[in-house]
Amino acid sequence: MSGKDVMEYYRTRFQIKFCFRDAKSFTGLMQPQAMDVTELSFNFNASLTSVNLAKVLAKEKRIPFSMASRKEMIHNAYLLERFICVSGMRPNRRLYDKLVKELVEFAAIAA
């Protein structure tokens, strides 16, 4: 086997390994509540798909991929929307547009 082929195999192996690592750590791959094979299959597919979709989104936006940062940003966006809904106030659109990016990216890890 040539050195180039070995490098390609190891590159692919590590991509698969990182996908499983992120799925275990951030998307609940190891925490299924079901015993049925079809329900387990759905859980595994959903976990791995969410990691791959996050990677695709990061690649399309040309930003470094970090599953921890993506999860933190989604959580922050949810909290921001929740605070606005619960407050019952309509936000100032110019202020909202100006600050939403800063608030959503707060505490996100720079990869």
PDB file of N, CA and C in Angstrom:
ATOM      1  N   MET A   1       0.849  -1.170   0.000  1.00  0.00           N
ATOM      2  CA  MET A   1       0.000   0.000   0.000  1.00  0.00           C
ATOM      3  C   MET A   1       0.899   1.239   0.000  1.00  0.00           C
ATOM      4  N   SER A   2       0.549   2.194  -0.811  1.00  0.00           N
ATOM      5  CA  SER A   2       1.372   3.399  -0.911  1.00  0.00           C
ATOM      6  C   SER A   2       1.129   4.307   0.302  1.00  0.00           C
ATOM      7  N   GLY A   3       2.075   5.206   0.526  1.00  0.00           N
ATOM      8  CA  GLY A   3       1.954   6.153   1.631  1.00  0.00           C
ATOM      9  C   GLY A   3       0.739   7.054   1.487  1.00  0.00           C
ATOM     10  N   LYS A   4       0.419   7.420   0.251  1.00  0.00           N
ATOM     11  CA  LYS A   4      -0.747   8.269  -0.009  1.00  0.00           C
ATOM     12  C   LYS A   4      -2.033   7.560   0.401  1.00  0.00           C
ATOM     13  N   ASP A   5      -2.127   6.266   0.084  1.00  0.00           N
ATOM     14  CA  ASP A   5      -3.310   5.492   0.466  1.00  0.00           C
ATOM     15  C   ASP A   5      -3.430   5.371   1.982  1.00  0.00           C
ATOM     16  N   VAL A   6      -2.312   5.160   2.649  1.00  0.00           N
ATOM     17  CA  VAL A   6      -2.322   5.067   4.116  1.00  0.00           C
ATOM     18  C   VAL A   6      -2.827   6.374   4.723  1.00  0.00           C
ATOM     19  N   MET A   7      -2.342   7.501   4.200  1.00  0.00           N
ATOM     20  CA  MET A   7      -2.780   8.804   4.703  1.00  0.00           C
ATOM     21  C   MET A   7      -4.276   9.012   4.495  1.00  0.00           C
ATOM     22  N   GLU A   8      -4.791   8.605   3.335  1.00  0.00           N
ATOM     23  CA  GLU A   8      -6.215   8.742   3.066  1.00  0.00           C
ATOM     24  C   GLU A   8      -7.054   7.887   4.013  1.00  0.00           C
ATOM     25  N   TYR A   9      -6.591   6.643   4.267  1.00  0.00           N
ATOM     26  CA  TYR A   9      -7.318   5.781   5.190  1.00  0.00           C
ATOM     27  C   TYR A   9      -7.333   6.366   6.597  1.00  0.00           C
ATOM     28  N   TYR A  10      -6.205   6.869   7.062  1.00  0.00           N
ATOM     29  CA  TYR A  10      -6.145   7.451   8.401  1.00  0.00           C
ATOM     30  C   TYR A  10      -6.947   8.745   8.484  1.00  0.00           C
ATOM     31  N   ARG A  11      -6.939   9.554   7.448  1.00  0.00           N
ATOM     32  CA  ARG A  11      -7.732  10.782   7.435  1.00  0.00           C
ATOM     33  C   ARG A  11      -9.221  10.431   7.544  1.00  0.00           C
ATOM     34  N   THR A  12      -9.656   9.442   6.780  1.00  0.00           N
ATOM     35  CA  THR A  12     -11.049   9.004   6.833  1.00  0.00           C
ATOM     36  C   THR A  12     -11.380   8.408   8.190  1.00  0.00           C
ATOM     37  N   ARG A  13     -10.467   7.603   8.731  1.00  0.00           N
ATOM     38  CA  ARG A  13     -10.686   6.989  10.037  1.00  0.00           C
ATOM     39  C   ARG A  13     -10.870   8.043  11.121  1.00  0.00           C
ATOM     40  N   PHE A  14     -10.040   9.084  11.113  1.00  0.00           N
ATOM     41  CA  PHE A  14     -10.145  10.114  12.133  1.00  0.00           C
ATOM     42  C   PHE A  14     -11.409  10.953  11.960  1.00  0.00           C
ATOM     43  N   GLN A  15     -11.852  11.180  10.733  1.00  0.00           N
ATOM     44  CA  GLN A  15     -13.106  11.900  10.529  1.00  0.00           C
ATOM     45  C   GLN A  15     -14.273  11.110  11.118  1.00  0.00           C
ATOM     46  N   ILE A  16     -14.282   9.802  10.922  1.00  0.00           N
ATOM     47  CA  ILE A  16     -15.330   8.957  11.485  1.00  0.00           C
ATOM     48  C   ILE A  16     -15.244   8.967  13.010  1.00  0.00           C
ATOM     49  N   LYS A  17     -14.023   8.878  13.533  1.00  0.00           N
ATOM     50  CA  LYS A  17     -13.823   8.874  14.981  1.00  0.00           C
ATOM     51  C   LYS A  17     -14.322  10.185  15.601  1.00  0.00           C
ATOM     52  N   PHE A  18     -14.020  11.317  14.974  1.00  0.00           N
ATOM     53  CA  PHE A  18     -14.459  12.606  15.504  1.00  0.00           C
ATOM     54  C   PHE A  18     -15.974  12.752  15.415  1.00  0.00           C
ATOM     55  N   CYS A  19     -16.574  12.199  14.369  1.00  0.00           N
ATOM     56  CA  CYS A  19     -18.030  12.243  14.238  1.00  0.00           C
ATOM     57  C   CYS A  19     -18.690  11.489  15.397  1.00  0.00           C
ATOM     58  N   PHE A  20     -18.190  10.301  15.710  1.00  0.00           N
ATOM     59  CA  PHE A  20     -18.734   9.546  16.827  1.00  0.00           C
ATOM     60  C   PHE A  20     -18.456  10.241  18.159  1.00  0.00           C
ATOM     61  N   ARG A  21     -17.284  10.832  18.313  1.00  0.00           N
ATOM     62  CA  ARG A  21     -16.963  11.553  19.545  1.00  0.00           C
ATOM     63  C   ARG A  21     -17.931  12.709  19.775  1.00  0.00           C
ATOM     64  N   ASP A  22     -18.170  13.502  18.735  1.00  0.00           N
ATOM     65  CA  ASP A  22     -19.096  14.622  18.859  1.00  0.00           C
ATOM     66  C   ASP A  22     -20.523  14.147  19.104  1.00  0.00           C
ATOM     67  N   ALA A  23     -20.917  13.056  18.457  1.00  0.00           N
ATOM     68  CA  ALA A  23     -22.267  12.524  18.661  1.00  0.00           C
ATOM     69  C   ALA A  23     -22.441  12.022  20.093  1.00  0.00           C
ATOM     70  N   LYS A  24     -21.415  11.392  20.645  1.00  0.00           N
ATOM     71  CA  LYS A  24     -21.487  10.930  22.029  1.00  0.00           C
ATOM     72  C   LYS A  24     -21.533  12.101  22.998  1.00  0.00           C
ATOM     73  N   SER A  25     -20.727  13.109  22.750  1.00  0.00           N
ATOM     74  CA  SER A  25     -20.596  14.221  23.692  1.00  0.00           C
ATOM     75  C   SER A  25     -21.742  15.223  23.612  1.00  0.00           C
ATOM     76  N   PHE A  26     -22.269  15.487  22.434  1.00  0.00           N
ATOM     77  CA  PHE A  26     -23.175  16.620  22.266  1.00  0.00           C
ATOM     78  C   PHE A  26     -24.575  16.290  21.786  1.00  0.00           C
ATOM     79  N   THR A  27     -24.800  15.126  21.195  1.00  0.00           N
ATOM     80  CA  THR A  27     -26.123  14.873  20.619  1.00  0.00           C
ATOM     81  C   THR A  27     -26.807  13.633  21.168  1.00  0.00           C
ATOM     82  N   GLY A  28     -26.330  13.101  22.272  1.00  0.00           N
ATOM     83  CA  GLY A  28     -27.033  12.020  22.953  1.00  0.00           C
ATOM     84  C   GLY A  28     -26.946  10.657  22.307  1.00  0.00           C
ATOM     85  N   LEU A  29     -25.868  10.370  21.625  1.00  0.00           N
ATOM     86  CA  LEU A  29     -25.732   9.067  20.970  1.00  0.00           C
ATOM     87  C   LEU A  29     -25.792   7.915  21.975  1.00  0.00           C
ATOM     88  N   MET A  30     -25.221   8.113  23.152  1.00  0.00           N
ATOM     89  CA  MET A  30     -25.142   7.031  24.132  1.00  0.00           C
ATOM     90  C   MET A  30     -26.252   7.088  25.188  1.00  0.00           C
ATOM     91  N   GLN A  31     -27.284   7.886  24.951  1.00  0.00           N
ATOM     92  CA  GLN A  31     -28.338   8.039  25.958  1.00  0.00           C
ATOM     93  C   GLN A  31     -29.729   7.703  25.438  1.00  0.00           C
ATOM     94  N   PRO A  32     -29.877   6.622  24.686  1.00  0.00           N
ATOM     95  CA  PRO A  32     -31.218   6.297  24.201  1.00  0.00           C
ATOM     96  C   PRO A  32     -32.099   5.788  25.348  1.00  0.00           C
ATOM     97  N   GLN A  33     -33.389   6.053  25.262  1.00  0.00           N
ATOM     98  CA  GLN A  33     -34.337   5.608  26.271  1.00  0.00           C
ATOM     99  C   GLN A  33     -35.143   4.403  25.793  1.00  0.00           C
ATOM    100  N   ALA A  34     -34.845   3.907  24.617  1.00  0.00           N
ATOM    101  CA  ALA A  34     -35.649   2.860  23.998  1.00  0.00           C
ATOM    102  C   ALA A  34     -34.939   1.512  24.053  1.00  0.00           C
ATOM    103  N   MET A  35     -35.722   0.472  23.849  1.00  0.00           N
ATOM    104  CA  MET A  35     -35.180  -0.886  23.758  1.00  0.00           C
ATOM    105  C   MET A  35     -35.440  -1.510  22.390  1.00  0.00           C
ATOM    106  N   ASP A  36     -36.391  -0.944  21.653  1.00  0.00           N
ATOM    107  CA  ASP A  36     -36.748  -1.468  20.344  1.00  0.00           C
ATOM    108  C   ASP A  36     -35.658  -1.124  19.327  1.00  0.00           C
ATOM    109  N   VAL A  37     -35.368  -2.048  18.446  1.00  0.00           N
ATOM    110  CA  VAL A  37     -34.302  -1.867  17.466  1.00  0.00           C
ATOM    111  C   VAL A  37     -34.579  -0.687  16.539  1.00  0.00           C
ATOM    112  N   THR A  38     -35.819  -0.501  16.111  1.00  0.00           N
ATOM    113  CA  THR A  38     -36.121   0.612  15.207  1.00  0.00           C
ATOM    114  C   THR A  38     -35.987   1.952  15.920  1.00  0.00           C
ATOM    115  N   GLU A  39     -36.369   2.009  17.187  1.00  0.00           N
ATOM    116  CA  GLU A  39     -36.230   3.259  17.948  1.00  0.00           C
ATOM    117  C   GLU A  39     -34.769   3.568  18.220  1.00  0.00           C
ATOM    118  N   LEU A  40     -33.980   2.538  18.511  1.00  0.00           N
ATOM    119  CA  LEU A  40     -32.543   2.737  18.695  1.00  0.00           C
ATOM    120  C   LEU A  40     -31.898   3.212  17.400  1.00  0.00           C
ATOM    121  N   SER A  41     -32.310   2.622  16.297  1.00  0.00           N
ATOM    122  CA  SER A  41     -31.773   3.010  14.996  1.00  0.00           C
ATOM    123  C   SER A  41     -32.093   4.478  14.706  1.00  0.00           C
ATOM    124  N   PHE A  42     -33.315   4.893  15.017  1.00  0.00           N
ATOM    125  CA  PHE A  42     -33.693   6.290  14.820  1.00  0.00           C
ATOM    126  C   PHE A  42     -32.821   7.206  15.668  1.00  0.00           C
ATOM    127  N   ASN A  43     -32.589   6.845  16.930  1.00  0.00           N
ATOM    128  CA  ASN A  43     -31.750   7.653  17.817  1.00  0.00           C
ATOM    129  C   ASN A  43     -30.330   7.778  17.276  1.00  0.00           C
ATOM    130  N   PHE A  44     -29.754   6.684  16.849  1.00  0.00           N
ATOM    131  CA  PHE A  44     -28.387   6.720  16.320  1.00  0.00           C
ATOM    132  C   PHE A  44     -28.316   7.578  15.062  1.00  0.00           C
ATOM    133  N   ASN A  45     -29.281   7.386  14.152  1.00  0.00           N
ATOM    134  CA  ASN A  45     -29.295   8.172  12.919  1.00  0.00           C
ATOM    135  C   ASN A  45     -29.483   9.658  13.197  1.00  0.00           C
ATOM    136  N   ALA A  46     -30.371   9.999  14.127  1.00  0.00           N
ATOM    137  CA  ALA A  46     -30.617  11.407  14.454  1.00  0.00           C
ATOM    138  C   ALA A  46     -29.361  12.052  15.051  1.00  0.00           C
ATOM    139  N   SER A  47     -28.678  11.348  15.933  1.00  0.00           N
ATOM    140  CA  SER A  47     -27.468  11.894  16.554  1.00  0.00           C
ATOM    141  C   SER A  47     -26.370  12.134  15.527  1.00  0.00           C
ATOM    142  N   LEU A  48     -26.101  11.143  14.713  1.00  0.00           N
ATOM    143  CA  LEU A  48     -25.031  11.274  13.724  1.00  0.00           C
ATOM    144  C   LEU A  48     -25.399  12.272  12.626  1.00  0.00           C
ATOM    145  N   THR A  49     -26.668  12.333  12.258  1.00  0.00           N
ATOM    146  CA  THR A  49     -27.110  13.291  11.245  1.00  0.00           C
ATOM    147  C   THR A  49     -26.953  14.718  11.740  1.00  0.00           C
ATOM    148  N   SER A  50     -27.279  14.963  13.004  1.00  0.00           N
ATOM    149  CA  SER A  50     -27.156  16.326  13.528  1.00  0.00           C
ATOM    150  C   SER A  50     -25.700  16.784  13.539  1.00  0.00           C
ATOM    151  N   VAL A  51     -24.772  15.900  13.842  1.00  0.00           N
ATOM    152  CA  VAL A  51     -23.354  16.268  13.797  1.00  0.00           C
ATOM    153  C   VAL A  51     -22.940  16.577  12.360  1.00  0.00           C
ATOM    154  N   ASN A  52     -23.350  15.732  11.426  1.00  0.00           N
ATOM    155  CA  ASN A  52     -22.974  15.949  10.029  1.00  0.00           C
ATOM    156  C   ASN A  52     -23.609  17.214   9.461  1.00  0.00           C
ATOM    157  N   LEU A  53     -24.845  17.515   9.840  1.00  0.00           N
ATOM    158  CA  LEU A  53     -25.479  18.754   9.373  1.00  0.00           C
ATOM    159  C   LEU A  53     -24.769  19.979   9.931  1.00  0.00           C
ATOM    160  N   ALA A  54     -24.329  19.902  11.183  1.00  0.00           N
ATOM    161  CA  ALA A  54     -23.571  21.017  11.761  1.00  0.00           C
ATOM    162  C   ALA A  54     -22.253  21.215  11.021  1.00  0.00           C
ATOM    163  N   LYS A  55     -21.609  20.119  10.629  1.00  0.00           N
ATOM    164  CA  LYS A  55     -20.364  20.219   9.855  1.00  0.00           C
ATOM    165  C   LYS A  55     -20.615  20.851   8.488  1.00  0.00           C
ATOM    166  N   VAL A  56     -21.683  20.439   7.829  1.00  0.00           N
ATOM    167  CA  VAL A  56     -22.009  20.986   6.509  1.00  0.00           C
ATOM    168  C   VAL A  56     -22.306  22.473   6.617  1.00  0.00           C
ATOM    169  N   LEU A  57     -23.068  22.872   7.625  1.00  0.00           N
ATOM    170  CA  LEU A  57     -23.395  24.281   7.816  1.00  0.00           C
ATOM    171  C   LEU A  57     -22.135  25.105   8.058  1.00  0.00           C
ATOM    172  N   ALA A  58     -21.228  24.596   8.878  1.00  0.00           N
ATOM    173  CA  ALA A  58     -19.974  25.307   9.138  1.00  0.00           C
ATOM    174  C   ALA A  58     -19.137  25.416   7.864  1.00  0.00           C
ATOM    175  N   LYS A  59     -19.135  24.359   7.065  1.00  0.00           N
ATOM    176  CA  LYS A  59     -18.368  24.382   5.822  1.00  0.00           C
ATOM    177  C   LYS A  59     -18.965  25.368   4.826  1.00  0.00           C
ATOM    178  N   GLU A  60     -20.300  25.414   4.729  1.00  0.00           N
ATOM    179  CA  GLU A  60     -20.949  26.352   3.814  1.00  0.00           C
ATOM    180  C   GLU A  60     -20.696  27.802   4.208  1.00  0.00           C
ATOM    181  N   LYS A  61     -20.683  28.059   5.506  1.00  0.00           N
ATOM    182  CA  LYS A  61     -20.457  29.425   5.983  1.00  0.00           C
ATOM    183  C   LYS A  61     -18.977  29.764   6.122  1.00  0.00           C
ATOM    184  N   ARG A  62     -18.134  28.795   5.808  1.00  0.00           N
ATOM    185  CA  ARG A  62     -16.678  28.953   5.866  1.00  0.00           C
ATOM    186  C   ARG A  62     -16.211  29.424   7.253  1.00  0.00           C
ATOM    187  N   ILE A  63     -16.724  28.737   8.283  1.00  0.00           N
ATOM    188  CA  ILE A  63     -16.298  29.020   9.644  1.00  0.00           C
ATOM    189  C   ILE A  63     -15.711  27.742  10.231  1.00  0.00           C
ATOM    190  N   PRO A  64     -14.797  27.859  11.181  1.00  0.00           N
ATOM    191  CA  PRO A  64     -14.227  26.660  11.791  1.00  0.00           C
ATOM    192  C   PRO A  64     -15.306  25.856  12.506  1.00  0.00           C
ATOM    193  N   PHE A  65     -15.204  24.536  12.417  1.00  0.00           N
ATOM    194  CA  PHE A  65     -16.208  23.673  13.025  1.00  0.00           C
ATOM    195  C   PHE A  65     -15.830  23.329  14.451  1.00  0.00           C
ATOM    196  N   SER A  66     -16.752  23.565  15.348  1.00  0.00           N
ATOM    197  CA  SER A  66     -16.643  23.133  16.740  1.00  0.00           C
ATOM    198  C   SER A  66     -18.048  22.796  17.194  1.00  0.00           C
ATOM    199  N   MET A  67     -18.299  21.544  17.487  1.00  0.00           N
ATOM    200  CA  MET A  67     -19.638  21.130  17.897  1.00  0.00           C
ATOM    201  C   MET A  67     -20.039  21.825  19.194  1.00  0.00           C
ATOM    202  N   ALA A  68     -19.094  22.038  20.092  1.00  0.00           N
ATOM    203  CA  ALA A  68     -19.400  22.732  21.348  1.00  0.00           C
ATOM    204  C   ALA A  68     -19.883  24.159  21.062  1.00  0.00           C
ATOM    205  N   SER A  69     -19.218  24.845  20.137  1.00  0.00           N
ATOM    206  CA  SER A  69     -19.634  26.204  19.790  1.00  0.00           C
ATOM    207  C   SER A  69     -21.002  26.221  19.129  1.00  0.00           C
ATOM    208  N   ARG A  70     -21.242  25.285  18.212  1.00  0.00           N
ATOM    209  CA  ARG A  70     -22.542  25.244  17.541  1.00  0.00           C
ATOM    210  C   ARG A  70     -23.652  24.993  18.557  1.00  0.00           C
ATOM    211  N   LYS A  71     -23.431  24.066  19.474  1.00  0.00           N
ATOM    212  CA  LYS A  71     -24.446  23.766  20.476  1.00  0.00           C
ATOM    213  C   LYS A  71     -24.685  24.974  21.380  1.00  0.00           C
ATOM    214  N   GLU A  72     -23.622  25.652  21.763  1.00  0.00           N
ATOM    215  CA  GLU A  72     -23.751  26.837  22.609  1.00  0.00           C
ATOM    216  C   GLU A  72     -24.505  27.952  21.883  1.00  0.00           C
ATOM    217  N   MET A  73     -24.222  28.138  20.607  1.00  0.00           N
ATOM    218  CA  MET A  73     -24.909  29.174  19.836  1.00  0.00           C
ATOM    219  C   MET A  73     -26.396  28.872  19.679  1.00  0.00           C
ATOM    220  N   ILE A  74     -26.740  27.620  19.438  1.00  0.00           N
ATOM    221  CA  ILE A  74     -28.147  27.248  19.304  1.00  0.00           C
ATOM    222  C   ILE A  74     -28.870  27.438  20.642  1.00  0.00           C
ATOM    223  N   HIS A  75     -28.214  27.070  21.720  1.00  0.00           N
ATOM    224  CA  HIS A  75     -28.795  27.256  23.054  1.00  0.00           C
ATOM    225  C   HIS A  75     -29.011  28.741  23.355  1.00  0.00           C
ATOM    226  N   ASN A  76     -28.024  29.562  23.036  1.00  0.00           N
ATOM    227  CA  ASN A  76     -28.150  31.002  23.260  1.00  0.00           C
ATOM    228  C   ASN A  76     -29.276  31.612  22.419  1.00  0.00           C
ATOM    229  N   ALA A  77     -29.400  31.171  21.171  1.00  0.00           N
ATOM    230  CA  ALA A  77     -30.474  31.673  20.318  1.00  0.00           C
ATOM    231  C   ALA A  77     -31.841  31.283  20.882  1.00  0.00           C
ATOM    232  N   TYR A  78     -31.957  30.065  21.386  1.00  0.00           N
ATOM    233  CA  TYR A  78     -33.207  29.622  21.998  1.00  0.00           C
ATOM    234  C   TYR A  78     -33.538  30.473  23.220  1.00  0.00           C
ATOM    235  N   LEU A  79     -32.543  30.700  24.082  1.00  0.00           N
ATOM    236  CA  LEU A  79     -32.781  31.514  25.272  1.00  0.00           C
ATOM    237  C   LEU A  79     -33.190  32.940  24.910  1.00  0.00           C
ATOM    238  N   LEU A  80     -32.542  33.511  23.926  1.00  0.00           N
ATOM    239  CA  LEU A  80     -32.878  34.863  23.496  1.00  0.00           C
ATOM    240  C   LEU A  80     -34.329  34.939  23.013  1.00  0.00           C
ATOM    241  N   GLU A  81     -34.723  33.998  22.173  1.00  0.00           N
ATOM    242  CA  GLU A  81     -36.104  33.962  21.691  1.00  0.00           C
ATOM    243  C   GLU A  81     -37.076  33.737  22.839  1.00  0.00           C
ATOM    244  N   ARG A  82     -36.706  32.881  23.765  1.00  0.00           N
ATOM    245  CA  ARG A  82     -37.576  32.597  24.915  1.00  0.00           C
ATOM    246  C   ARG A  82     -37.760  33.840  25.786  1.00  0.00           C
ATOM    247  N   PHE A  83     -36.669  34.572  26.055  1.00  0.00           N
ATOM    248  CA  PHE A  83     -36.766  35.790  26.858  1.00  0.00           C
ATOM    249  C   PHE A  83     -37.673  36.816  26.184  1.00  0.00           C
ATOM    250  N   ILE A  84     -37.551  36.957  24.886  1.00  0.00           N
ATOM    251  CA  ILE A  84     -38.372  37.921  24.151  1.00  0.00           C
ATOM    252  C   ILE A  84     -39.843  37.516  24.197  1.00  0.00           C
ATOM    253  N   CYS A  85     -40.136  36.227  24.012  1.00  0.00           N
ATOM    254  CA  CYS A  85     -41.523  35.754  24.042  1.00  0.00           C
ATOM    255  C   CYS A  85     -42.141  35.915  25.431  1.00  0.00           C
ATOM    256  N   VAL A  86     -41.406  35.564  26.465  1.00  0.00           N
ATOM    257  CA  VAL A  86     -41.939  35.629  27.825  1.00  0.00           C
ATOM    258  C   VAL A  86     -42.127  37.067  28.286  1.00  0.00           C
ATOM    259  N   SER A  87     -41.263  37.965  27.847  1.00  0.00           N
ATOM    260  CA  SER A  87     -41.369  39.358  28.278  1.00  0.00           C
ATOM    261  C   SER A  87     -42.640  40.024  27.752  1.00  0.00           C
ATOM    262  N   GLY A  88     -43.149  39.550  26.626  1.00  0.00           N
ATOM    263  CA  GLY A  88     -44.361  40.117  26.054  1.00  0.00           C
ATOM    264  C   GLY A  88     -44.133  41.429  25.327  1.00  0.00           C
ATOM    265  N   MET A  89     -42.900  41.872  25.255  1.00  0.00           N
ATOM    266  CA  MET A  89     -42.582  43.127  24.574  1.00  0.00           C
ATOM    267  C   MET A  89     -42.136  42.833  23.152  1.00  0.00           C
ATOM    268  N   ARG A  90     -42.413  43.778  22.284  1.00  0.00           N
ATOM    269  CA  ARG A  90     -41.915  43.660  20.913  1.00  0.00           C
ATOM    270  C   ARG A  90     -40.560  44.343  20.859  1.00  0.00           C
ATOM    271  N   PRO A  91     -39.508  43.626  20.456  1.00  0.00           N
ATOM    272  CA  PRO A  91     -38.182  44.228  20.457  1.00  0.00           C
ATOM    273  C   PRO A  91     -38.021  45.261  19.345  1.00  0.00           C
ATOM    274  N   ASN A  92     -37.205  46.246  19.602  1.00  0.00           N
ATOM    275  CA  ASN A  92     -36.827  47.231  18.585  1.00  0.00           C
ATOM    276  C   ASN A  92     -36.031  46.489  17.518  1.00  0.00           C
ATOM    277  N   ARG A  93     -36.496  46.503  16.302  1.00  0.00           N
ATOM    278  CA  ARG A  93     -35.886  45.692  15.238  1.00  0.00           C
ATOM    279  C   ARG A  93     -34.427  46.082  14.975  1.00  0.00           C
ATOM    280  N   ARG A  94     -34.129  47.389  14.962  1.00  0.00           N
ATOM    281  CA  ARG A  94     -32.741  47.801  14.706  1.00  0.00           C
ATOM    282  C   ARG A  94     -31.829  47.357  15.830  1.00  0.00           C
ATOM    283  N   LEU A  95     -32.281  47.516  17.070  1.00  0.00           N
ATOM    284  CA  LEU A  95     -31.477  47.084  18.208  1.00  0.00           C
ATOM    285  C   LEU A  95     -31.340  45.573  18.221  1.00  0.00           C
ATOM    286  N   TYR A  96     -32.438  44.873  17.921  1.00  0.00           N
ATOM    287  CA  TYR A  96     -32.433  43.412  17.882  1.00  0.00           C
ATOM    288  C   TYR A  96     -31.435  42.904  16.852  1.00  0.00           C
ATOM    289  N   ASP A  97     -31.473  43.443  15.653  1.00  0.00           N
ATOM    290  CA  ASP A  97     -30.554  43.006  14.602  1.00  0.00           C
ATOM    291  C   ASP A  97     -29.105  43.296  14.960  1.00  0.00           C
ATOM    292  N   LYS A  98     -28.885  44.406  15.649  1.00  0.00           N
ATOM    293  CA  LYS A  98     -27.525  44.790  16.007  1.00  0.00           C
ATOM    294  C   LYS A  98     -26.937  43.874  17.079  1.00  0.00           C
ATOM    295  N   LEU A  99     -27.748  43.490  18.053  1.00  0.00           N
ATOM    296  CA  LEU A  99     -27.233  42.748  19.205  1.00  0.00           C
ATOM    297  C   LEU A  99     -27.406  41.235  19.128  1.00  0.00           C
ATOM    298  N   VAL A 100     -28.278  40.762  18.258  1.00  0.00           N
ATOM    299  CA  VAL A 100     -28.567  39.336  18.250  1.00  0.00           C
ATOM    300  C   VAL A 100     -27.323  38.495  17.947  1.00  0.00           C
ATOM    301  N   LYS A 101     -26.506  38.931  17.024  1.00  0.00           N
ATOM    302  CA  LYS A 101     -25.300  38.165  16.701  1.00  0.00           C
ATOM    303  C   LYS A 101     -24.360  38.091  17.892  1.00  0.00           C
ATOM    304  N   GLU A 102     -24.181  39.211  18.561  1.00  0.00           N
ATOM    305  CA  GLU A 102     -23.306  39.234  19.729  1.00  0.00           C
ATOM    306  C   GLU A 102     -23.850  38.355  20.852  1.00  0.00           C
ATOM    307  N   LEU A 103     -25.159  38.403  21.075  1.00  0.00           N
ATOM    308  CA  LEU A 103     -25.740  37.606  22.143  1.00  0.00           C
ATOM    309  C   LEU A 103     -25.733  36.119  21.833  1.00  0.00           C
ATOM    310  N   VAL A 104     -25.991  35.770  20.582  1.00  0.00           N
ATOM    311  CA  VAL A 104     -26.011  34.351  20.211  1.00  0.00           C
ATOM    312  C   VAL A 104     -24.613  33.758  20.284  1.00  0.00           C
ATOM    313  N   GLU A 105     -23.601  34.525  19.884  1.00  0.00           N
ATOM    314  CA  GLU A 105     -22.241  34.013  19.890  1.00  0.00           C
ATOM    315  C   GLU A 105     -21.540  34.149  21.243  1.00  0.00           C
ATOM    316  N   PHE A 106     -22.253  34.682  22.230  1.00  0.00           N
ATOM    317  CA  PHE A 106     -21.662  34.838  23.566  1.00  0.00           C
ATOM    318  C   PHE A 106     -21.295  33.452  24.113  1.00  0.00           C
ATOM    319  N   ALA A 107     -20.094  33.335  24.592  1.00  0.00           N
ATOM    320  CA  ALA A 107     -19.558  32.104  25.209  1.00  0.00           C
ATOM    321  C   ALA A 107     -19.286  30.981  24.203  1.00  0.00           C
ATOM    322  N   ALA A 108     -19.374  31.257  22.917  1.00  0.00           N
ATOM    323  CA  ALA A 108     -19.027  30.237  21.927  1.00  0.00           C
ATOM    324  C   ALA A 108     -17.514  30.133  21.856  1.00  0.00           C
ATOM    325  N   ILE A 109     -17.039  28.943  21.702  1.00  0.00           N
ATOM    326  CA  ILE A 109     -15.606  28.684  21.671  1.00  0.00           C
ATOM    327  C   ILE A 109     -15.074  28.982  20.267  1.00  0.00           C
ATOM    328  N   ALA A 110     -14.020  29.751  20.185  1.00  0.00           N
ATOM    329  CA  ALA A 110     -13.382  30.018  18.891  1.00  0.00           C
ATOM    330  C   ALA A 110     -12.501  28.828  18.536  1.00  0.00           C
ATOM    331  N   ALA A 111     -12.826  28.154  17.452  1.00  0.00           N
ATOM    332  CA  ALA A 111     -12.067  26.973  17.058  1.00  0.00           C
ATOM    333  C   ALA A 111     -10.840  27.358  16.275  1.00  0.00           C
TER     334      ALA A 111
END
